Amino acid sequence: MVATYSQKWWGDPMVWLGVLHGATIWAFMAVYLSIPSAWISFACGFLIGFFLYLVALGYQDYRFARAILVGFVMNVLLSSFSAILAFTDQF
């Protein structure tokens, strides 16, 4: 079964939620804590992304599910950058 979408992906707010959830969590932690301590956003982004992914699969919205995976990859990259800064003696 192939899902048909009546709008483009950039017009779907659920896709934006999926793509930006991890980066938004990281940004809030980086602003309110610090960039080196924002590595913990990996755990938060994983948990929130996992449950969003289950919701997307429950509603059979595969475009939303793919967007969540992209958002999780963005979270991994950003939190890895923070972890490198936190666990190396650069600062």
Protein backbone atom coordinates (compact mmCIF):
# COMPACT_ATOMS: atom_id res chain seq x y z
CA MET A 1 0.00 0.00 0.00
CA VAL A 2 1.46 3.31 -1.10
CA ALA A 3 0.35 6.37 0.81
CA THR A 4 -0.75 9.35 -1.23
CA TYR A 5 -0.15 12.81 0.16
CA SER A 6 -2.15 15.84 -0.82
CA GLN A 7 0.63 18.29 0.02
CA LYS A 8 4.36 18.57 -0.42
CA TRP A 9 6.58 17.49 2.44
CA TRP A 10 7.58 21.05 3.37
CA GLY A 11 3.94 21.94 3.95
CA ASP A 12 3.35 19.12 6.41
CA PRO A 13 3.82 20.26 10.03
CA MET A 14 4.36 16.69 11.21
CA VAL A 15 7.38 16.37 8.94
CA TRP A 16 8.81 19.57 10.41
CA LEU A 17 8.24 18.18 13.91
CA GLY A 18 10.05 15.00 12.95
CA VAL A 19 12.99 16.75 11.33
CA LEU A 20 13.49 19.43 13.97
CA HIS A 21 12.74 17.62 17.23
CA GLY A 22 16.33 16.56 17.90
CA ALA A 23 17.97 19.80 16.83
CA THR A 24 15.51 21.82 18.91
CA ILE A 25 16.21 19.79 22.03
CA TRP A 26 19.95 20.20 21.46
CA ALA A 27 19.58 23.95 20.87
CA PHE A 28 17.60 24.48 24.08
CA MET A 29 20.18 22.55 26.07
CA ALA A 30 23.04 24.38 24.40
CA VAL A 31 21.50 27.77 25.18
CA TYR A 32 20.34 27.11 28.72
CA LEU A 33 23.18 24.82 29.85
CA SER A 34 26.18 25.04 27.55
CA ILE A 35 27.31 23.53 24.29
CA PRO A 36 29.62 20.94 25.94
CA SER A 37 26.88 19.76 28.28
CA ALA A 38 24.29 19.50 25.50
CA TRP A 39 25.56 16.02 24.64
CA ILE A 40 22.89 14.65 26.98
CA SER A 41 20.30 15.73 24.40
CA PHE A 42 21.10 12.44 22.68
CA ALA A 43 19.16 10.52 25.32
CA CYS A 44 16.25 12.95 25.30
CA GLY A 45 16.10 13.07 21.53
CA PHE A 46 16.24 9.29 21.32
CA LEU A 47 13.34 8.78 23.73
CA ILE A 48 11.13 11.47 22.21
CA GLY A 49 12.03 10.35 18.69
CA PHE A 50 11.30 6.71 19.52
CA PHE A 51 7.82 7.47 20.77
CA LEU A 52 7.13 9.84 17.86
CA TYR A 53 8.25 7.03 15.55
CA LEU A 54 5.79 4.64 17.19
CA VAL A 55 3.02 7.21 16.72
CA ALA A 56 3.96 7.65 13.07
CA LEU A 57 3.88 3.90 12.49
CA GLY A 58 0.59 3.61 14.35
CA TYR A 59 -0.99 6.16 12.02
CA GLN A 60 0.86 4.64 9.05
CA ASP A 61 2.39 8.00 8.19
CA TYR A 62 5.64 6.81 6.67
CA ARG A 63 6.72 10.25 5.55
CA PHE A 64 6.57 11.40 9.18
CA ALA A 65 8.50 8.27 10.21
CA ARG A 66 11.28 9.03 7.73
CA ALA A 67 11.41 12.63 8.92
CA ILE A 68 11.84 11.41 12.50
CA LEU A 69 14.82 9.33 11.41
CA VAL A 70 16.37 12.39 9.75
CA GLY A 71 15.78 14.37 12.94
CA PHE A 72 17.41 11.63 14.99
CA VAL A 73 20.48 11.67 12.74
CA MET A 74 20.70 15.45 13.17
CA ASN A 75 20.48 14.98 16.95
CA VAL A 76 23.25 12.38 16.86
CA LEU A 77 25.52 14.72 14.91
CA LEU A 78 24.89 17.70 17.17
CA SER A 79 25.19 15.73 20.40
CA SER A 80 28.38 14.08 19.12
CA PHE A 81 29.83 17.53 18.52
CA SER A 82 28.93 18.46 22.09
CA ALA A 83 30.39 15.22 23.43
CA ILE A 84 33.66 15.85 21.63
CA LEU A 85 33.84 19.29 23.20
CA ALA A 86 32.88 17.94 26.63
CA PHE A 87 35.18 14.96 26.81
CA THR A 88 38.29 16.41 25.20
CA ASP A 89 40.29 19.02 27.02
CA GLN A 90 39.76 21.73 24.44
CA PHE A 91 37.97 24.13 26.77
